């Protein structure tokens, strides 16, 4: 192999390594963008769910269902979920006896 061919081969290798590095950087950038977008969407979904919970709490409070009021305190929401589950089970039991 001549000196010129060896030089061309070395230049091609340098170019390939540079291109590989560029592609790896692009992949990292794209991955970060995807993670950021997923995080934004997750936050938006959580905010929408929180609003739905508060809407439901307000509706049940207005209907006079005991134990229901608008709150974002986790253990109070858990208690309300248990109450709602209990009410639903009673309704199912009651409706099956009526049939």
N, C-alpha and C. Protein backbone atom coordinates (compact mmCIF):
# COMPACT_ATOMS: atom_id res chain seq x y z
N UNK A 1 0.84 -1.16 0.00
CA UNK A 1 0.00 0.00 0.00
C UNK A 1 0.89 1.24 0.00
N UNK A 2 0.55 2.16 -0.85
CA UNK A 2 1.38 3.36 -0.95
C UNK A 2 1.04 4.34 0.17
N UNK A 3 1.88 5.32 0.34
CA UNK A 3 1.68 6.34 1.37
C UNK A 3 0.42 7.13 1.13
N UNK A 4 0.07 7.38 -0.13
CA UNK A 4 -1.15 8.14 -0.47
C UNK A 4 -2.38 7.33 -0.09
N UNK A 5 -2.40 6.03 -0.43
CA UNK A 5 -3.53 5.18 -0.10
C UNK A 5 -3.70 5.07 1.42
N UNK A 6 -2.61 4.95 2.13
CA UNK A 6 -2.66 4.86 3.59
C UNK A 6 -3.21 6.16 4.18
N UNK A 7 -2.80 7.28 3.61
CA UNK A 7 -3.28 8.58 4.07
C UNK A 7 -4.79 8.70 3.83
N UNK A 8 -5.26 8.26 2.65
CA UNK A 8 -6.69 8.32 2.33
C UNK A 8 -7.49 7.43 3.29
N UNK A 9 -6.93 6.26 3.59
CA UNK A 9 -7.60 5.34 4.51
C UNK A 9 -7.71 5.97 5.90
N UNK A 10 -6.65 6.60 6.36
CA UNK A 10 -6.68 7.26 7.66
C UNK A 10 -7.69 8.40 7.68
N UNK A 11 -7.76 9.16 6.59
CA UNK A 11 -8.73 10.26 6.51
C UNK A 11 -10.16 9.73 6.54
N UNK A 12 -10.41 8.62 5.81
CA UNK A 12 -11.74 8.01 5.81
C UNK A 12 -12.09 7.52 7.22
N UNK A 13 -11.16 6.92 7.91
CA UNK A 13 -11.39 6.45 9.27
C UNK A 13 -11.74 7.61 10.19
N UNK A 14 -11.00 8.70 10.07
CA UNK A 14 -11.29 9.89 10.89
C UNK A 14 -12.69 10.39 10.60
N UNK A 15 -13.04 10.43 9.32
CA UNK A 15 -14.37 10.90 8.92
C UNK A 15 -15.45 9.97 9.49
N UNK A 16 -15.23 8.67 9.40
CA UNK A 16 -16.19 7.70 9.94
C UNK A 16 -16.36 7.86 11.44
N UNK A 17 -15.26 8.03 12.16
CA UNK A 17 -15.35 8.22 13.61
C UNK A 17 -16.08 9.52 13.95
N UNK A 18 -15.83 10.56 13.17
CA UNK A 18 -16.52 11.83 13.39
C UNK A 18 -18.02 11.66 13.14
N UNK A 19 -18.36 10.98 12.04
CA UNK A 19 -19.76 10.76 11.72
C UNK A 19 -20.43 9.91 12.79
N UNK A 20 -19.74 8.90 13.27
CA UNK A 20 -20.27 8.05 14.33
C UNK A 20 -20.51 8.86 15.60
N UNK A 21 -19.57 9.71 15.95
CA UNK A 21 -19.74 10.58 17.11
C UNK A 21 -20.91 11.52 16.95
N UNK A 22 -21.05 12.08 15.74
CA UNK A 22 -22.18 12.97 15.46
C UNK A 22 -23.51 12.23 15.61
N UNK A 23 -23.57 11.01 15.09
CA UNK A 23 -24.79 10.21 15.20
C UNK A 23 -25.12 9.88 16.65
N UNK A 24 -24.09 9.56 17.43
CA UNK A 24 -24.32 9.26 18.85
C UNK A 24 -24.83 10.50 19.59
N UNK A 25 -24.29 11.66 19.27
CA UNK A 25 -24.77 12.91 19.88
C UNK A 25 -26.21 13.18 19.48
N UNK A 26 -26.52 12.95 18.21
CA UNK A 26 -27.90 13.16 17.75
C UNK A 26 -28.85 12.21 18.45
N UNK A 27 -28.43 10.97 18.63
CA UNK A 27 -29.27 9.98 19.31
C UNK A 27 -29.52 10.39 20.76
N UNK A 28 -28.48 10.87 21.46
CA UNK A 28 -28.64 11.32 22.84
C UNK A 28 -29.58 12.53 22.91
N UNK A 29 -29.43 13.45 21.97
CA UNK A 29 -30.30 14.63 21.93
C UNK A 29 -31.75 14.23 21.70
N UNK A 30 -31.96 13.32 20.77
CA UNK A 30 -33.32 12.86 20.47
C UNK A 30 -33.92 12.13 21.67
N UNK A 31 -33.11 11.31 22.33
CA UNK A 31 -33.60 10.59 23.50
C UNK A 31 -33.99 11.56 24.60
N UNK A 32 -33.19 12.60 24.81
CA UNK A 32 -33.52 13.60 25.84
C UNK A 32 -34.80 14.33 25.49
N UNK A 33 -34.97 14.69 24.22
CA UNK A 33 -36.20 15.36 23.79
C UNK A 33 -37.41 14.47 24.03
N UNK A 34 -37.27 13.18 23.70
CA UNK A 34 -38.38 12.25 23.92
C UNK A 34 -38.72 12.14 25.40
N UNK A 35 -37.70 12.03 26.25
CA UNK A 35 -37.93 11.95 27.69
C UNK A 35 -38.62 13.21 28.20
N UNK A 36 -38.18 14.37 27.73
CA UNK A 36 -38.79 15.63 28.14
C UNK A 36 -40.25 15.70 27.71
N UNK A 37 -40.52 15.28 26.49
CA UNK A 37 -41.90 15.30 25.98
C UNK A 37 -42.78 14.33 26.77
N UNK A 38 -42.27 13.15 27.07
CA UNK A 38 -43.03 12.20 27.88
C UNK A 38 -43.31 12.76 29.27
N UNK A 39 -42.32 13.40 29.85
CA UNK A 39 -42.50 14.01 31.17
C UNK A 39 -43.58 15.08 31.12
N UNK A 40 -43.55 15.93 30.08
CA UNK A 40 -44.58 16.98 29.94
C UNK A 40 -45.97 16.36 29.79
N UNK A 41 -46.06 15.31 28.99
CA UNK A 41 -47.36 14.65 28.80
C UNK A 41 -47.84 14.00 30.08
N UNK A 42 -46.92 13.37 30.81
CA UNK A 42 -47.29 12.75 32.09
C UNK A 42 -47.84 13.79 33.06
N UNK A 43 -47.18 14.93 33.13
CA UNK A 43 -47.64 16.01 34.02
C UNK A 43 -49.02 16.48 33.59
N UNK A 44 -49.22 16.64 32.30
CA UNK A 44 -50.52 17.09 31.79
C UNK A 44 -51.62 16.08 32.14
N UNK A 45 -51.33 14.81 31.96
CA UNK A 45 -52.31 13.76 32.28
C UNK A 45 -52.63 13.77 33.77
N UNK A 46 -51.59 13.90 34.61
CA UNK A 46 -51.82 13.94 36.06
C UNK A 46 -52.67 15.14 36.46
N UNK A 47 -52.43 16.28 35.82
CA UNK A 47 -53.23 17.47 36.12
C UNK A 47 -54.69 17.26 35.70
N UNK A 48 -54.90 16.61 34.55
CA UNK A 48 -56.26 16.33 34.09
C UNK A 48 -56.96 15.36 35.04
N UNK A 49 -56.23 14.34 35.50
CA UNK A 49 -56.82 13.39 36.45
C UNK A 49 -57.15 14.07 37.77
N UNK A 50 -56.26 14.92 38.25
CA UNK A 50 -56.54 15.66 39.49
C UNK A 50 -57.79 16.50 39.35
N UNK A 51 -57.97 17.13 38.19
CA UNK A 51 -59.17 17.93 37.96
C UNK A 51 -60.42 17.06 37.96
N UNK A 52 -60.34 15.90 37.33
CA UNK A 52 -61.48 14.97 37.31
C UNK A 52 -61.84 14.53 38.73
N UNK A 53 -60.83 14.23 39.54
CA UNK A 53 -61.08 13.83 40.93
C UNK A 53 -61.78 14.96 41.67
N UNK A 54 -61.29 16.18 41.50
CA UNK A 54 -61.89 17.32 42.20
C UNK A 54 -63.32 17.58 41.71
N UNK A 55 -63.54 17.42 40.42
CA UNK A 55 -64.90 17.57 39.88
C UNK A 55 -65.84 16.54 40.50
N UNK A 56 -65.38 15.29 40.57
CA UNK A 56 -66.18 14.22 41.16
C UNK A 56 -66.43 14.48 42.65
N UNK A 57 -65.40 14.92 43.35
CA UNK A 57 -65.58 15.22 44.77
C UNK A 57 -66.62 16.32 44.96
N UNK A 58 -66.52 17.36 44.14
CA UNK A 58 -67.47 18.47 44.25
C UNK A 58 -68.89 18.03 43.95
N UNK A 59 -69.05 17.19 42.95
CA UNK A 59 -70.38 16.70 42.58
C UNK A 59 -70.97 15.85 43.70
N UNK A 60 -70.18 14.96 44.26
CA UNK A 60 -70.67 14.12 45.36
C UNK A 60 -70.94 14.94 46.62
N UNK A 61 -70.14 15.96 46.85
CA UNK A 61 -70.38 16.85 47.99
C UNK A 61 -71.71 17.58 47.81
N UNK A 62 -71.94 18.11 46.61
CA UNK A 62 -73.21 18.82 46.33
C UNK A 62 -74.41 17.89 46.44
N UNK A 63 -74.19 16.61 46.10
CA UNK A 63 -75.28 15.63 46.20
C UNK A 63 -75.54 15.24 47.65
N UNK A 64 -74.69 15.69 48.56
CA UNK A 64 -74.88 15.41 49.98
C UNK A 64 -74.36 14.06 50.43
N UNK A 65 -73.47 13.46 49.66
CA UNK A 65 -72.90 12.17 50.05
C UNK A 65 -71.91 12.41 51.19
N UNK A 66 -72.15 11.77 52.34
CA UNK A 66 -71.26 11.98 53.49
C UNK A 66 -69.82 11.57 53.17
N UNK A 67 -68.87 12.35 53.70
CA UNK A 67 -67.45 12.03 53.54
C UNK A 67 -66.83 12.62 52.28
N UNK A 68 -67.63 13.27 51.46
CA UNK A 68 -67.08 13.82 50.22
C UNK A 68 -66.99 15.34 50.29
N UNK A 69 -65.81 15.83 49.97
CA UNK A 69 -65.51 17.25 49.88
C UNK A 69 -64.28 17.37 48.99
N UNK A 70 -64.08 18.54 48.44
CA UNK A 70 -62.95 18.73 47.54
C UNK A 70 -61.67 18.81 48.35
N UNK A 71 -60.72 17.94 48.01
CA UNK A 71 -59.43 17.89 48.69
C UNK A 71 -58.38 17.32 47.74
N UNK A 72 -57.14 17.63 48.04
CA UNK A 72 -56.05 16.99 47.30
C UNK A 72 -55.10 16.26 48.26
N UNK A 73 -55.57 16.05 49.49
CA UNK A 73 -54.79 15.32 50.50
C UNK A 73 -54.94 13.82 50.20
N UNK A 74 -53.81 13.19 50.02
CA UNK A 74 -53.78 11.80 49.53
C UNK A 74 -54.60 10.83 50.39
N UNK A 75 -54.43 10.88 51.71
CA UNK A 75 -55.14 9.91 52.54
C UNK A 75 -56.65 10.20 52.57
N UNK A 76 -57.04 11.45 52.42
CA UNK A 76 -58.46 11.77 52.35
C UNK A 76 -59.07 11.27 51.04
N UNK A 77 -58.32 11.39 49.96
CA UNK A 77 -58.78 10.87 48.67
C UNK A 77 -58.90 9.35 48.74
N UNK A 78 -57.93 8.69 49.38
CA UNK A 78 -57.98 7.23 49.53
C UNK A 78 -59.23 6.82 50.31
N UNK A 79 -59.54 7.55 51.38
CA UNK A 79 -60.73 7.27 52.17
C UNK A 79 -61.98 7.44 51.32
N UNK A 80 -62.02 8.50 50.52
CA UNK A 80 -63.16 8.72 49.64
C UNK A 80 -63.30 7.59 48.61
N UNK A 81 -62.17 7.08 48.14
CA UNK A 81 -62.23 5.95 47.20
C UNK A 81 -62.82 4.72 47.87
N UNK A 82 -62.44 4.47 49.12
CA UNK A 82 -63.02 3.35 49.85
C UNK A 82 -64.53 3.55 50.04
N UNK A 83 -64.91 4.77 50.40
CA UNK A 83 -66.34 5.07 50.57
C UNK A 83 -67.11 4.84 49.26
N UNK A 84 -66.55 5.33 48.17
CA UNK A 84 -67.21 5.18 46.88
C UNK A 84 -67.31 3.70 46.50
N UNK A 85 -66.26 2.94 46.75
CA UNK A 85 -66.30 1.50 46.48
C UNK A 85 -67.39 0.83 47.31
N UNK A 86 -67.48 1.20 48.58
CA UNK A 86 -68.50 0.64 49.47
C UNK A 86 -69.90 0.97 48.97
N UNK A 87 -70.10 2.20 48.57
CA UNK A 87 -71.40 2.63 48.05
C UNK A 87 -71.76 1.83 46.79
N UNK A 88 -70.79 1.66 45.92
CA UNK A 88 -71.04 0.90 44.68
C UNK A 88 -71.38 -0.55 45.00
N UNK A 89 -70.68 -1.15 45.95
CA UNK A 89 -70.97 -2.54 46.34
C UNK A 89 -72.37 -2.66 46.93
N UNK A 90 -72.76 -1.68 47.73
CA UNK A 90 -74.11 -1.68 48.29
C UNK A 90 -75.15 -1.57 47.18
N UNK A 91 -74.88 -0.70 46.21
CA UNK A 91 -75.82 -0.52 45.11
C UNK A 91 -75.96 -1.80 44.31
N UNK A 92 -74.87 -2.50 44.05
CA UNK A 92 -74.91 -3.74 43.30
C UNK A 92 -75.68 -4.81 44.09
N UNK A 93 -75.37 -4.91 45.38
CA UNK A 93 -76.05 -5.88 46.23
C UNK A 93 -77.53 -5.58 46.30
N UNK A 94 -77.87 -4.34 46.45
CA UNK A 94 -79.26 -3.92 46.57
C UNK A 94 -80.00 -4.18 45.25
N UNK A 95 -79.38 -3.87 44.14
CA UNK A 95 -80.05 -4.03 42.85
C UNK A 95 -80.22 -5.50 42.49
N UNK A 96 -79.31 -6.38 42.92
CA UNK A 96 -79.46 -7.81 42.61
C UNK A 96 -80.55 -8.46 43.46
N UNK A 97 -80.77 -7.94 44.67
CA UNK A 97 -81.84 -8.46 45.51
C UNK A 97 -83.21 -8.02 44.98
N UNK A 98 -83.22 -6.86 44.35
CA UNK A 98 -84.48 -6.34 43.84
C UNK A 98 -84.93 -7.10 42.60
N UNK A 99 -84.02 -7.75 41.92
CA UNK A 99 -84.36 -8.46 40.68
C UNK A 99 -85.10 -9.72 40.91
